[in-house]
Structures are given as structure tokens and as C-alpha cells.
Amino acid sequence: MGAPVVGFRGGRGVVGEDRPLGLSMAAAWNLWPAVDLMIGIGTRLEIPFMRWGSMMRCERSIAGRRLIRIDIDPAEMDRLDTDGPLAGDAAVTVGALLSALDAAGHPPQGDRAAIADAKAKAARDIRSVQPQMAYLDVIRDVLPRDGFLVEELSQMGFTSNFGYPVYEPRTYVSCGYQGTLGFGFPTALGVKVAHPDKPVVSITGDGGFLFAMPELATAVQYGIDLVTIVFDNGCYGNVRRDQETRFAGHVIGADLVNPDFVKLAESFGIRAWRVDTPDGLRPALEAALALGAPALIQVQVPRGTEVSPWSFIHPAS
């Protein structure tokens, strides 16, 4: 069809973002004004219906845009106003749709130049989200294209939703719609056990990591060579920003008293590094991935220095 493809969280990498038609949601937003038809494949369509049009209030329809939904659950067709409901297995149904288009002699009509421009503009615009983007650039550069990144609710995790390019299906592991703080590190242990021959990196904030920190013992006991990067900003960053900007600076319960994460990891017998710049992260990450044993990197981030990523997640709000 020549249509651009975008995934959010669980669907990222279905079409690699290094391919012409694979888009991040930041790039897709740039094309949104010109969209007349959406095809949602196995998705609740959270991006257009809950994030681009409102702040997590689900709209049933979007003016000027028709919708085709492909989903294995027929009940999903009643949740949104759907012009073309197709209930069935995604692979079988998409194959049938493409065969019907071929039979009708429908040529690809995607505007490749507009898509490329949207991708290039998004790549420039998201550079404003610092220092998160600089750190994600290093991780993406060091991690092979089929390596796994497990995100966490954190300033790094939110930024990775749009700022970390994903090239292969299922290599970006997310907490999904529920947004469960603390899921990242223990989930990443499971990802590594399931894929022992692939590199796995967990990115987590200090608050989220402390939810399941004792599982460092599990990593050592079972030789799970996960690389965990703890971004230590000394607070629940999102909560603190909201308190500062929406509640007149009334900060309560958002600041943390943290351990020395390097010494903590070493007390479990885990090799650890402390860095405070993207340039410092690169050699530490390369060494950690080559170690063949559990490893931890503490990234020290001064409190309050992270640029908010939310303008690229809720751009219309």
C-alpha cells in the first residue's frame, strides 16, 4: 500500500524504524494532519484516540478520518466507531486484505517524500529532550539491532517510547497500557532468561529499580547476565515535575534517599560502574555487555535537569 506504519510500546519494531515506512510516534504525528484512513492491526489505537486527541480520554471517532480495525476479538469493534470492522487473526486477515487490493489493481500510493520529511523533522525535534536522548543514542549505538531494551516508567523510559529507534519485532519490552512502576528490572531478568544468547539492557529510574532491587540476588544465583542501567536523579522525576508545575511547587513524597548503587551491586558480587555523561556510558556499557555476567551501571543525573518528554507523547494537549 505504501502506507507508513507506527507502533506504540508493544507494536514497535513490526516495521523497523530504519526502513522507509517504519515510523516512531513522533514522526507519525507530523503526518497526522494529512491522514484520511487508519488501519489498526491488533491495537487499541491508543496513540490517535487517547493521546493525540485528548489527555487519556478515549474518543469514539476522529473527524475526517476513517477507520479499519483488524482484531481477533469481535467485541473490540464496538469500542470505537469503525468503518471497516475485520474480525480475525492478524496475519490471515492482513493477507486477505492485501490480496484483495492486488486483485483490484490498487497501486501503492504512499508519499515517500512526505514520509521521509516527517521522519527527518521528528529526528531533529526530539533532540530537545536532553540528557535522555544523548544517553539513548549511546545505548542504541552499542546494542545490536536485535538486542533487547526493557524500559521502565522513568524519564528515560518515557523518552524511549519515541526516542529509541526499534529495528526488530519484540525487542522493545514495555509495561504496556497499565504503566506499572517497578516492573522493568525483574521483567528484564525474565527476558534474558528467555533469550540467553541475546544482549538485554534494562533502563530504569532509581525509584522504579528499588521496587525489586533484591532480585540482584536472583541474577547472581542463576548467572543471569543482564545489564541494568539505573538513572539516578534522586526522585520520582515525573511526580516531582507535576508537583512543581501543577501544584505551585508543593513537593511531597517525590524526593528519594538512595543507596550508593555501585556499592550495593558490588555487595551482591556484581560488577558495577558509575558514570555521569553519555560519553562515559559508552565504554561502561560495552564492558558490561562483554562481561558475560550480571552488571549494573549507575548514571548520575542532577535532580530536575531532565527535559520533559511529554510534548512528544501528548503533542496536542
C-alpha atoms as a PDB file:
ATOM      1  CA  MET A   1       0.000   0.000   0.000  1.00  0.00           C
ATOM      2  CA  GLY A   2       2.928   2.324   0.604  1.00  0.00           C
ATOM      3  CA  ALA A   3       1.378   3.320   3.928  1.00  0.00           C
ATOM      4  CA  PRO A   4       3.611   4.353   6.848  1.00  0.00           C
ATOM      5  CA  VAL A   5       3.461   2.107   9.925  1.00  0.00           C
ATOM      6  CA  VAL A   6       3.686   3.230  13.533  1.00  0.00           C
ATOM      7  CA  GLY A   7       3.593   1.213  16.751  1.00  0.00           C
ATOM      8  CA  PHE A   8       3.389   2.316  20.360  1.00  0.00           C
ATOM      9  CA  ARG A   9       5.130   0.206  23.008  1.00  0.00           C
ATOM     10  CA  GLY A  10       4.142  -3.400  22.223  1.00  0.00           C
ATOM     11  CA  GLY A  11       3.980  -2.953  18.462  1.00  0.00           C
ATOM     12  CA  ARG A  12       7.281  -1.192  17.961  1.00  0.00           C
ATOM     13  CA  GLY A  13       9.660  -2.841  15.505  1.00  0.00           C
ATOM     14  CA  VAL A  14       6.952  -4.597  13.462  1.00  0.00           C
ATOM     15  CA  VAL A  15       8.337  -2.433  10.673  1.00  0.00           C
ATOM     16  CA  GLY A  16      11.836  -1.344  11.631  1.00  0.00           C
ATOM     17  CA  GLU A  17      12.300   2.389  12.089  1.00  0.00           C
ATOM     18  CA  ASP A  18      15.402   2.260   9.900  1.00  0.00           C
ATOM     19  CA  ARG A  19      13.147   1.317   6.956  1.00  0.00           C
ATOM     20  CA  PRO A  20      11.392   3.989   4.868  1.00  0.00           C
ATOM     21  CA  LEU A  21       7.872   3.162   6.098  1.00  0.00           C
ATOM     22  CA  GLY A  22       8.717   2.446   9.745  1.00  0.00           C
ATOM     23  CA  LEU A  23       7.910   5.448  11.939  1.00  0.00           C
ATOM     24  CA  SER A  24       8.190   6.434  15.564  1.00  0.00           C
ATOM     25  CA  MET A  25       5.095   8.083  17.011  1.00  0.00           C
ATOM     26  CA  ALA A  26       6.922  11.425  16.914  1.00  0.00           C
ATOM     27  CA  ALA A  27       7.326  11.069  13.150  1.00  0.00           C
ATOM     28  CA  ALA A  28       3.776   9.801  12.716  1.00  0.00           C
ATOM     29  CA  TRP A  29       2.419  12.892  14.483  1.00  0.00           C
ATOM     30  CA  ASN A  30       3.994  15.039  11.764  1.00  0.00           C
ATOM     31  CA  LEU A  31       1.917  13.169   9.152  1.00  0.00           C
ATOM     32  CA  TRP A  32      -1.288  13.164  11.201  1.00  0.00           C
ATOM     33  CA  PRO A  33      -2.901  16.260   9.614  1.00  0.00           C
ATOM     34  CA  ALA A  34      -2.852  14.561   6.184  1.00  0.00           C
ATOM     35  CA  VAL A  35      -4.250  11.185   7.315  1.00  0.00           C
ATOM     36  CA  ASP A  36      -7.674  10.202   5.948  1.00  0.00           C
ATOM     37  CA  LEU A  37      -7.653   6.462   6.737  1.00  0.00           C
ATOM     38  CA  MET A  38      -6.252   4.487   9.645  1.00  0.00           C
ATOM     39  CA  ILE A  39      -5.827   0.705   9.679  1.00  0.00           C
ATOM     40  CA  GLY A  40      -5.443  -0.573  13.228  1.00  0.00           C
ATOM     41  CA  ILE A  41      -3.991  -4.086  13.432  1.00  0.00           C
ATOM     42  CA  GLY A  42      -4.307  -5.764  16.831  1.00  0.00           C
ATOM     43  CA  THR A  43      -4.227  -2.446  18.682  1.00  0.00           C
ATOM     44  CA  ARG A  44      -6.482  -0.346  20.899  1.00  0.00           C
ATOM     45  CA  LEU A  45      -5.281   2.654  18.832  1.00  0.00           C
ATOM     46  CA  GLU A  46      -4.145   4.412  21.960  1.00  0.00           C
ATOM     47  CA  ILE A  47      -1.981   6.935  20.127  1.00  0.00           C
ATOM     48  CA  PRO A  48      -4.603   8.657  17.929  1.00  0.00           C
ATOM     49  CA  PHE A  49      -7.663   8.085  20.091  1.00  0.00           C
ATOM     50  CA  MET A  50      -6.268   8.700  23.578  1.00  0.00           C
ATOM     51  CA  ARG A  51      -3.021  10.666  23.241  1.00  0.00           C
ATOM     52  CA  TRP A  52      -3.213  12.797  20.104  1.00  0.00           C
ATOM     53  CA  GLY A  53      -6.755  13.992  20.620  1.00  0.00           C
ATOM     54  CA  SER A  54      -7.032  14.207  24.400  1.00  0.00           C
ATOM     55  CA  MET A  55      -5.215  13.521  27.648  1.00  0.00           C
ATOM     56  CA  MET A  56      -6.134   9.833  28.036  1.00  0.00           C
ATOM     57  CA  ARG A  57      -9.862  10.346  27.338  1.00  0.00           C
ATOM     58  CA  CYS A  58     -10.835   7.880  24.660  1.00  0.00           C
ATOM     59  CA  GLU A  59     -12.693   9.378  21.699  1.00  0.00           C
ATOM     60  CA  ARG A  60     -15.011   7.096  19.709  1.00  0.00           C
ATOM     61  CA  SER A  61     -14.203   8.774  16.403  1.00  0.00           C
ATOM     62  CA  ILE A  62     -11.915  11.401  14.890  1.00  0.00           C
ATOM     63  CA  ALA A  63     -13.361  13.850  12.402  1.00  0.00           C
ATOM     64  CA  GLY A  64     -12.149  13.398   8.849  1.00  0.00           C
ATOM     65  CA  ARG A  65     -10.503  10.033   9.458  1.00  0.00           C
ATOM     66  CA  ARG A  66     -11.989   6.695   8.510  1.00  0.00           C
ATOM     67  CA  LEU A  67     -11.036   3.589  10.462  1.00  0.00           C
ATOM     68  CA  ILE A  68     -10.497  -0.042   9.563  1.00  0.00           C
ATOM     69  CA  ARG A  69      -9.848  -2.345  12.520  1.00  0.00           C
ATOM     70  CA  ILE A  70      -8.322  -5.811  12.348  1.00  0.00           C
ATOM     71  CA  ASP A  71      -8.633  -7.647  15.654  1.00  0.00           C
ATOM     72  CA  ILE A  72      -9.124 -11.240  16.757  1.00  0.00           C
ATOM     73  CA  ASP A  73     -11.757 -10.167  19.319  1.00  0.00           C
ATOM     74  CA  PRO A  74     -15.062  -9.097  17.692  1.00  0.00           C
ATOM     75  CA  ALA A  75     -16.037  -7.213  20.870  1.00  0.00           C
ATOM     76  CA  GLU A  76     -13.250  -4.707  20.139  1.00  0.00           C
ATOM     77  CA  MET A  77     -15.215  -3.449  17.129  1.00  0.00           C
ATOM     78  CA  ASP A  78     -17.836  -1.875  19.407  1.00  0.00           C
ATOM     79  CA  ARG A  79     -15.370   0.241  21.385  1.00  0.00           C
ATOM     80  CA  LEU A  80     -14.656   2.698  18.560  1.00  0.00           C
ATOM     81  CA  ASP A  81     -16.725   3.850  15.606  1.00  0.00           C
ATOM     82  CA  THR A  82     -15.275   1.553  12.956  1.00  0.00           C
ATOM     83  CA  ASP A  83     -15.927   1.959   9.230  1.00  0.00           C
ATOM     84  CA  GLY A  84     -14.431  -1.394   8.321  1.00  0.00           C
ATOM     85  CA  PRO A  85     -14.504  -3.993  11.121  1.00  0.00           C
ATOM     86  CA  LEU A  86     -12.470  -7.089  10.244  1.00  0.00           C
ATOM     87  CA  ALA A  87     -12.519  -9.709  12.993  1.00  0.00           C
ATOM     88  CA  GLY A  88      -9.874 -12.373  12.627  1.00  0.00           C
ATOM     89  CA  ASP A  89      -6.267 -13.434  13.051  1.00  0.00           C
ATOM     90  CA  ALA A  90      -3.999 -10.537  12.055  1.00  0.00           C
ATOM     91  CA  ALA A  91      -1.741 -12.484   9.689  1.00  0.00           C
ATOM     92  CA  VAL A  92      -4.630 -14.177   7.862  1.00  0.00           C
ATOM     93  CA  THR A  93      -6.770 -11.034   7.663  1.00  0.00           C
ATOM     94  CA  VAL A  94      -3.975  -8.727   6.521  1.00  0.00           C
ATOM     95  CA  GLY A  95      -3.002 -11.281   3.875  1.00  0.00           C
ATOM     96  CA  ALA A  96      -6.582 -11.399   2.595  1.00  0.00           C
ATOM     97  CA  LEU A  97      -6.783  -7.607   2.528  1.00  0.00           C
ATOM     98  CA  LEU A  98      -3.562  -7.313   0.536  1.00  0.00           C
ATOM     99  CA  SER A  99      -4.763  -9.993  -1.903  1.00  0.00           C
ATOM    100  CA  ALA A 100      -7.986  -8.045  -2.423  1.00  0.00           C
ATOM    101  CA  LEU A 101      -6.026  -4.867  -3.104  1.00  0.00           C
ATOM    102  CA  ASP A 102      -3.818  -6.686  -5.607  1.00  0.00           C
ATOM    103  CA  ALA A 103      -6.863  -8.142  -7.342  1.00  0.00           C
ATOM    104  CA  ALA A 104      -8.396  -4.677  -7.598  1.00  0.00           C
ATOM    105  CA  GLY A 105      -5.211  -3.357  -9.204  1.00  0.00           C
ATOM    106  CA  HIS A 106      -4.601  -0.888  -6.392  1.00  0.00           C
ATOM    107  CA  PRO A 107      -1.070   0.535  -6.747  1.00  0.00           C
ATOM    108  CA  PRO A 108       0.945   1.764  -3.729  1.00  0.00           C
ATOM    109  CA  GLN A 109       0.098   5.412  -3.110  1.00  0.00           C
ATOM    110  CA  GLY A 110       2.247   6.430  -0.160  1.00  0.00           C
ATOM    111  CA  ASP A 111       4.041   9.758  -0.463  1.00  0.00           C
ATOM    112  CA  ARG A 112       7.592   8.623   0.233  1.00  0.00           C
ATOM    113  CA  ALA A 113       8.974  12.159   0.212  1.00  0.00           C
ATOM    114  CA  ALA A 114       6.452  13.368   2.822  1.00  0.00           C
ATOM    115  CA  ILE A 115       7.151  10.330   4.983  1.00  0.00           C
ATOM    116  CA  ALA A 116      10.902  10.902   4.798  1.00  0.00           C
ATOM    117  CA  ASP A 117      10.428  14.575   5.688  1.00  0.00           C
ATOM    118  CA  ALA A 118       8.277  13.642   8.698  1.00  0.00           C
ATOM    119  CA  LYS A 119      10.931  11.247   9.941  1.00  0.00           C
ATOM    120  CA  ALA A 120      13.698  13.800   9.480  1.00  0.00           C
ATOM    121  CA  LYS A 121      11.742  16.536  11.280  1.00  0.00           C
ATOM    122  CA  ALA A 122      10.981  14.243  14.223  1.00  0.00           C
ATOM    123  CA  ALA A 123      14.636  13.223  14.474  1.00  0.00           C
ATOM    124  CA  ARG A 124      15.580  16.902  14.758  1.00  0.00           C
ATOM    125  CA  ASP A 125      12.792  17.895  17.133  1.00  0.00           C
ATOM    126  CA  ILE A 126      13.302  15.161  19.715  1.00  0.00           C
ATOM    127  CA  ARG A 127      16.918  16.272  20.208  1.00  0.00           C
ATOM    128  CA  SER A 128      15.491  18.835  22.632  1.00  0.00           C
ATOM    129  CA  VAL A 129      14.756  16.102  25.186  1.00  0.00           C
ATOM    130  CA  GLN A 130      18.082  16.041  26.988  1.00  0.00           C
ATOM    131  CA  PRO A 131      20.033  14.431  28.504  1.00  0.00           C
ATOM    132  CA  GLN A 132      17.776  11.447  27.837  1.00  0.00           C
ATOM    133  CA  MET A 133      18.233  11.418  24.063  1.00  0.00           C
ATOM    134  CA  ALA A 134      22.025  11.559  24.325  1.00  0.00           C
ATOM    135  CA  TYR A 135      22.027   8.506  26.597  1.00  0.00           C
ATOM    136  CA  LEU A 136      19.551   6.628  24.368  1.00  0.00           C
ATOM    137  CA  ASP A 137      21.768   7.361  21.349  1.00  0.00           C
ATOM    138  CA  VAL A 138      24.642   5.598  23.082  1.00  0.00           C
ATOM    139  CA  ILE A 139      22.526   2.589  24.051  1.00  0.00           C
ATOM    140  CA  ARG A 140      21.123   2.243  20.529  1.00  0.00           C
ATOM    141  CA  ASP A 141      24.603   2.551  19.022  1.00  0.00           C
ATOM    142  CA  VAL A 142      26.153  -0.058  21.318  1.00  0.00           C
ATOM    143  CA  LEU A 143      23.268  -2.543  21.413  1.00  0.00           C
ATOM    144  CA  PRO A 144      22.978  -4.727  18.290  1.00  0.00           C
ATOM    145  CA  ARG A 145      19.826  -4.291  16.220  1.00  0.00           C
ATOM    146  CA  ASP A 146      18.321  -7.496  17.619  1.00  0.00           C
ATOM    147  CA  GLY A 147      19.317  -6.748  21.207  1.00  0.00           C
ATOM    148  CA  PHE A 148      16.555  -6.181  23.752  1.00  0.00           C
ATOM    149  CA  LEU A 149      15.758  -2.969  25.580  1.00  0.00           C
ATOM    150  CA  VAL A 150      13.410  -3.223  28.562  1.00  0.00           C
ATOM    151  CA  GLU A 151      12.003   0.155  29.564  1.00  0.00           C
ATOM    152  CA  GLU A 152      10.623   1.349  32.896  1.00  0.00           C
ATOM    153  CA  LEU A 153       8.381   4.205  33.998  1.00  0.00           C
ATOM    154  CA  SER A 154      11.052   6.872  34.259  1.00  0.00           C
ATOM    155  CA  GLN A 155      12.301   9.905  32.372  1.00  0.00           C
ATOM    156  CA  MET A 156      14.427   7.570  30.258  1.00  0.00           C
ATOM    157  CA  GLY A 157      11.602   5.105  29.748  1.00  0.00           C
ATOM    158  CA  PHE A 158       9.100   7.724  28.615  1.00  0.00           C
ATOM    159  CA  THR A 159      11.633   9.218  26.222  1.00  0.00           C
ATOM    160  CA  SER A 160      12.450   5.777  24.831  1.00  0.00           C
ATOM    161  CA  ASN A 161       8.791   5.407  23.778  1.00  0.00           C
ATOM    162  CA  PHE A 162       9.562   7.721  20.851  1.00  0.00           C
ATOM    163  CA  GLY A 163      13.304   8.420  21.023  1.00  0.00           C
ATOM    164  CA  TYR A 164      14.830   4.945  20.930  1.00  0.00           C
ATOM    165  CA  PRO A 165      14.703   3.502  17.391  1.00  0.00           C
ATOM    166  CA  VAL A 166      13.449  -0.093  17.297  1.00  0.00           C
ATOM    167  CA  TYR A 167      14.514  -2.248  14.370  1.00  0.00           C
ATOM    168  CA  GLU A 168      13.209  -5.755  15.068  1.00  0.00           C
ATOM    169  CA  PRO A 169       9.860  -7.051  16.353  1.00  0.00           C
ATOM    170  CA  ARG A 170       9.500  -7.699  20.099  1.00  0.00           C
ATOM    171  CA  THR A 171      12.902  -6.285  21.008  1.00  0.00           C
ATOM    172  CA  TYR A 172      11.388  -3.315  22.859  1.00  0.00           C
ATOM    173  CA  VAL A 173       9.746  -4.641  26.012  1.00  0.00           C
ATOM    174  CA  SER A 174       7.287  -2.348  27.736  1.00  0.00           C
ATOM    175  CA  CYS A 175       4.998  -2.360  30.732  1.00  0.00           C
ATOM    176  CA  GLY A 176       2.192  -1.619  28.291  1.00  0.00           C
ATOM    177  CA  TYR A 177      -1.033   0.233  28.917  1.00  0.00           C
ATOM    178  CA  GLN A 178      -1.189  -0.191  32.704  1.00  0.00           C
ATOM    179  CA  GLY A 179       2.123   1.573  33.320  1.00  0.00           C
ATOM    180  CA  THR A 180       3.395  -0.436  36.281  1.00  0.00           C
ATOM    181  CA  LEU A 181       6.193   1.301  38.179  1.00  0.00           C
ATOM    182  CA  GLY A 182       8.899  -1.173  39.183  1.00  0.00           C
ATOM    183  CA  PHE A 183       8.185  -3.784  36.513  1.00  0.00           C
ATOM    184  CA  GLY A 184      11.310  -3.120  34.446  1.00  0.00           C
ATOM    185  CA  PHE A 185      14.231  -4.758  36.233  1.00  0.00           C
ATOM    186  CA  PRO A 186      12.522  -8.052  37.185  1.00  0.00           C
ATOM    187  CA  THR A 187      10.919  -8.264  33.746  1.00  0.00           C
ATOM    188  CA  ALA A 188      14.320  -7.795  32.137  1.00  0.00           C
ATOM    189  CA  LEU A 189      15.652 -10.755  34.126  1.00  0.00           C
ATOM    190  CA  GLY A 190      12.904 -12.852  32.541  1.00  0.00           C
ATOM    191  CA  VAL A 191      13.661 -11.506  29.075  1.00  0.00           C
ATOM    192  CA  LYS A 192      17.301 -12.506  29.478  1.00  0.00           C
ATOM    193  CA  VAL A 193      16.393 -15.994  30.682  1.00  0.00           C
ATOM    194  CA  ALA A 194      14.125 -16.372  27.641  1.00  0.00           C
ATOM    195  CA  HIS A 195      16.850 -15.084  25.281  1.00  0.00           C
ATOM    196  CA  PRO A 196      20.158 -16.175  26.821  1.00  0.00           C
ATOM    197  CA  ASP A 197      22.102 -15.609  23.602  1.00  0.00           C
ATOM    198  CA  LYS A 198      20.887 -12.054  23.011  1.00  0.00           C
ATOM    199  CA  PRO A 199      22.091  -8.938  24.856  1.00  0.00           C
ATOM    200  CA  VAL A 200      19.449  -7.445  27.153  1.00  0.00           C
ATOM    201  CA  VAL A 201      19.601  -3.982  28.703  1.00  0.00           C
ATOM    202  CA  SER A 202      17.255  -2.730  31.401  1.00  0.00           C
ATOM    203  CA  ILE A 203      16.844   1.047  31.684  1.00  0.00           C
ATOM    204  CA  THR A 204      15.257   2.168  34.919  1.00  0.00           C
ATOM    205  CA  GLY A 205      14.976   5.104  37.220  1.00  0.00           C
ATOM    206  CA  ASP A 206      16.207   4.925  40.779  1.00  0.00           C
ATOM    207  CA  GLY A 207      12.691   4.790  42.243  1.00  0.00           C
ATOM    208  CA  GLY A 208      11.491   2.021  39.938  1.00  0.00           C
ATOM    209  CA  PHE A 209      14.641  -0.027  40.401  1.00  0.00           C
ATOM    210  CA  LEU A 210      14.251  -0.052  44.178  1.00  0.00           C
ATOM    211  CA  PHE A 211      10.877  -1.788  43.877  1.00  0.00           C
ATOM    212  CA  ALA A 212      12.601  -5.078  43.007  1.00  0.00           C
ATOM    213  CA  MET A 213      16.272  -4.357  43.758  1.00  0.00           C
ATOM    214  CA  PRO A 214      16.697  -7.537  45.886  1.00  0.00           C
ATOM    215  CA  GLU A 215      16.377  -9.546  42.657  1.00  0.00           C
ATOM    216  CA  LEU A 216      20.051  -8.722  42.146  1.00  0.00           C
ATOM    217  CA  ALA A 217      20.483 -11.829  44.290  1.00  0.00           C
ATOM    218  CA  THR A 218      18.478 -13.806  41.715  1.00  0.00           C
ATOM    219  CA  ALA A 219      20.710 -12.540  38.915  1.00  0.00           C
ATOM    220  CA  VAL A 220      23.809 -13.711  40.778  1.00  0.00           C
ATOM    221  CA  GLN A 221      22.366 -17.021  41.936  1.00  0.00           C
ATOM    222  CA  TYR A 222      21.306 -18.061  38.453  1.00  0.00           C
ATOM    223  CA  GLY A 223      24.016 -16.297  36.450  1.00  0.00           C
ATOM    224  CA  ILE A 224      21.587 -14.062  34.549  1.00  0.00           C
ATOM    225  CA  ASP A 225      23.893 -11.726  32.658  1.00  0.00           C
ATOM    226  CA  LEU A 226      21.530  -8.798  32.415  1.00  0.00           C
ATOM    227  CA  VAL A 227      22.927  -5.274  32.115  1.00  0.00           C
ATOM    228  CA  THR A 228      20.938  -2.848  34.261  1.00  0.00           C
ATOM    229  CA  ILE A 229      21.343   0.913  33.820  1.00  0.00           C
ATOM    230  CA  VAL A 230      19.989   2.860  36.793  1.00  0.00           C
ATOM    231  CA  PHE A 231      19.407   6.544  36.050  1.00  0.00           C
ATOM    232  CA  ASP A 232      19.694   8.145  39.474  1.00  0.00           C
ATOM    233  CA  ASN A 233      18.074  11.582  39.671  1.00  0.00           C
ATOM    234  CA  GLY A 234      17.241  11.277  43.343  1.00  0.00           C
ATOM    235  CA  CYS A 235      13.474  11.480  42.879  1.00  0.00           C
ATOM    236  CA  TYR A 236      10.352  10.261  41.176  1.00  0.00           C
ATOM    237  CA  GLY A 237      11.009  12.625  38.292  1.00  0.00           C
ATOM    238  CA  ASN A 238       7.553  12.736  36.753  1.00  0.00           C
ATOM    239  CA  VAL A 239       5.794  13.199  40.092  1.00  0.00           C
ATOM    240  CA  ARG A 240       8.199  15.938  41.099  1.00  0.00           C
ATOM    241  CA  ARG A 241       7.755  17.816  37.811  1.00  0.00           C
ATOM    242  CA  ASP A 242       3.972  17.701  38.156  1.00  0.00           C
ATOM    243  CA  GLN A 243       4.190  18.984  41.714  1.00  0.00           C
ATOM    244  CA  GLU A 244       6.417  21.846  40.624  1.00  0.00           C
ATOM    245  CA  THR A 245       4.388  22.854  37.573  1.00  0.00           C
ATOM    246  CA  ARG A 246       0.821  21.984  38.545  1.00  0.00           C
ATOM    247  CA  PHE A 247       0.805  22.303  42.329  1.00  0.00           C
ATOM    248  CA  ALA A 248       2.731  25.537  42.899  1.00  0.00           C
ATOM    249  CA  GLY A 249       5.959  23.796  43.800  1.00  0.00           C
ATOM    250  CA  HIS A 250       4.457  21.833  46.688  1.00  0.00           C
ATOM    251  CA  VAL A 251       6.837  18.859  46.602  1.00  0.00           C
ATOM    252  CA  ILE A 252       5.885  15.973  48.855  1.00  0.00           C
ATOM    253  CA  GLY A 253       6.925  12.325  48.708  1.00  0.00           C
ATOM    254  CA  ALA A 254       8.793  12.754  45.433  1.00  0.00           C
ATOM    255  CA  ASP A 255      12.412  13.048  46.593  1.00  0.00           C
ATOM    256  CA  LEU A 256      14.336   9.877  47.401  1.00  0.00           C
ATOM    257  CA  VAL A 257      17.158   8.933  49.753  1.00  0.00           C
ATOM    258  CA  ASN A 258      19.114   6.445  47.684  1.00  0.00           C
ATOM    259  CA  PRO A 259      21.861   3.969  48.424  1.00  0.00           C
ATOM    260  CA  ASP A 260      25.165   4.033  46.596  1.00  0.00           C
ATOM    261  CA  PHE A 261      24.030   1.790  43.748  1.00  0.00           C
ATOM    262  CA  VAL A 262      27.574   0.814  42.777  1.00  0.00           C
ATOM    263  CA  LYS A 263      28.419  -0.338  46.297  1.00  0.00           C
ATOM    264  CA  LEU A 264      25.029  -2.020  46.550  1.00  0.00           C
ATOM    265  CA  ALA A 265      25.653  -4.043  43.389  1.00  0.00           C
ATOM    266  CA  GLU A 266      29.180  -4.905  44.491  1.00  0.00           C
ATOM    267  CA  SER A 267      27.825  -6.191  47.808  1.00  0.00           C
ATOM    268  CA  PHE A 268      25.968  -8.832  45.765  1.00  0.00           C
ATOM    269  CA  GLY A 269      29.157  -9.640  43.853  1.00  0.00           C
ATOM    270  CA  ILE A 270      28.053  -7.779  40.750  1.00  0.00           C
ATOM    271  CA  ARG A 271      30.427  -5.690  38.643  1.00  0.00           C
ATOM    272  CA  ALA A 272      29.310  -2.056  38.606  1.00  0.00           C
ATOM    273  CA  TRP A 273      30.243   1.318  37.107  1.00  0.00           C
ATOM    274  CA  ARG A 274      29.288   4.917  37.897  1.00  0.00           C
ATOM    275  CA  VAL A 275      29.085   7.475  35.072  1.00  0.00           C
ATOM    276  CA  ASP A 276      27.628  10.948  34.668  1.00  0.00           C
ATOM    277  CA  THR A 277      27.858  11.646  30.917  1.00  0.00           C
ATOM    278  CA  PRO A 278      26.795   9.896  27.701  1.00  0.00           C
ATOM    279  CA  ASP A 279      30.461   9.646  26.709  1.00  0.00           C
ATOM    280  CA  GLY A 280      31.136   7.891  29.987  1.00  0.00           C
ATOM    281  CA  LEU A 281      28.263   5.469  29.443  1.00  0.00           C
ATOM    282  CA  ARG A 282      29.640   4.095  26.181  1.00  0.00           C
ATOM    283  CA  PRO A 283      32.773   2.295  27.474  1.00  0.00           C
ATOM    284  CA  ALA A 284      30.923   1.142  30.602  1.00  0.00           C
ATOM    285  CA  LEU A 285      28.090  -0.368  28.538  1.00  0.00           C
ATOM    286  CA  GLU A 286      30.490  -2.014  26.115  1.00  0.00           C
ATOM    287  CA  ALA A 287      32.394  -3.569  29.021  1.00  0.00           C
ATOM    288  CA  ALA A 288      29.202  -4.656  30.775  1.00  0.00           C
ATOM    289  CA  LEU A 289      27.810  -6.372  27.678  1.00  0.00           C
ATOM    290  CA  ALA A 290      31.110  -8.196  27.121  1.00  0.00           C
ATOM    291  CA  LEU A 291      31.288  -9.382  30.714  1.00  0.00           C
ATOM    292  CA  GLY A 292      29.013 -12.412  30.440  1.00  0.00           C
ATOM    293  CA  ALA A 293      27.771 -11.852  33.996  1.00  0.00           C
ATOM    294  CA  PRO A 294      25.239  -9.617  35.756  1.00  0.00           C
ATOM    295  CA  ALA A 295      26.291  -5.961  35.578  1.00  0.00           C
ATOM    296  CA  LEU A 296      24.984  -2.610  36.767  1.00  0.00           C
ATOM    297  CA  ILE A 297      25.709   0.936  35.625  1.00  0.00           C
ATOM    298  CA  GLN A 298      24.667   3.892  37.768  1.00  0.00           C
ATOM    299  CA  VAL A 299      24.131   7.064  35.744  1.00  0.00           C
ATOM    300  CA  GLN A 300      24.126  10.124  37.961  1.00  0.00           C
ATOM    301  CA  VAL A 301      21.655  12.748  36.714  1.00  0.00           C
ATOM    302  CA  PRO A 302      21.307  16.043  38.624  1.00  0.00           C
ATOM    303  CA  ARG A 303      17.798  16.369  40.007  1.00  0.00           C
ATOM    304  CA  GLY A 304      15.474  18.464  37.870  1.00  0.00           C
ATOM    305  CA  THR A 305      17.742  18.666  34.815  1.00  0.00           C
ATOM    306  CA  GLU A 306      15.789  16.360  32.516  1.00  0.00           C
ATOM    307  CA  VAL A 307      13.684  17.997  29.817  1.00  0.00           C
ATOM    308  CA  SER A 308      10.075  16.768  29.876  1.00  0.00           C
ATOM    309  CA  PRO A 309       9.343  14.181  27.173  1.00  0.00           C
ATOM    310  CA  TRP A 310       5.590  14.664  27.343  1.00  0.00           C
ATOM    311  CA  SER A 311       5.227  17.087  24.445  1.00  0.00           C
ATOM    312  CA  PHE A 312       6.068  14.168  22.143  1.00  0.00           C
ATOM    313  CA  ILE A 313       3.655  11.748  23.859  1.00  0.00           C
ATOM    314  CA  HIS A 314       0.696  14.124  24.204  1.00  0.00           C
ATOM    315  CA  PRO A 315       1.577  16.662  21.498  1.00  0.00           C
ATOM    316  CA  ALA A 316      -1.923  18.135  21.172  1.00  0.00           C
ATOM    317  CA  SER A 317      -2.567  18.668  24.899  1.00  0.00           C
END
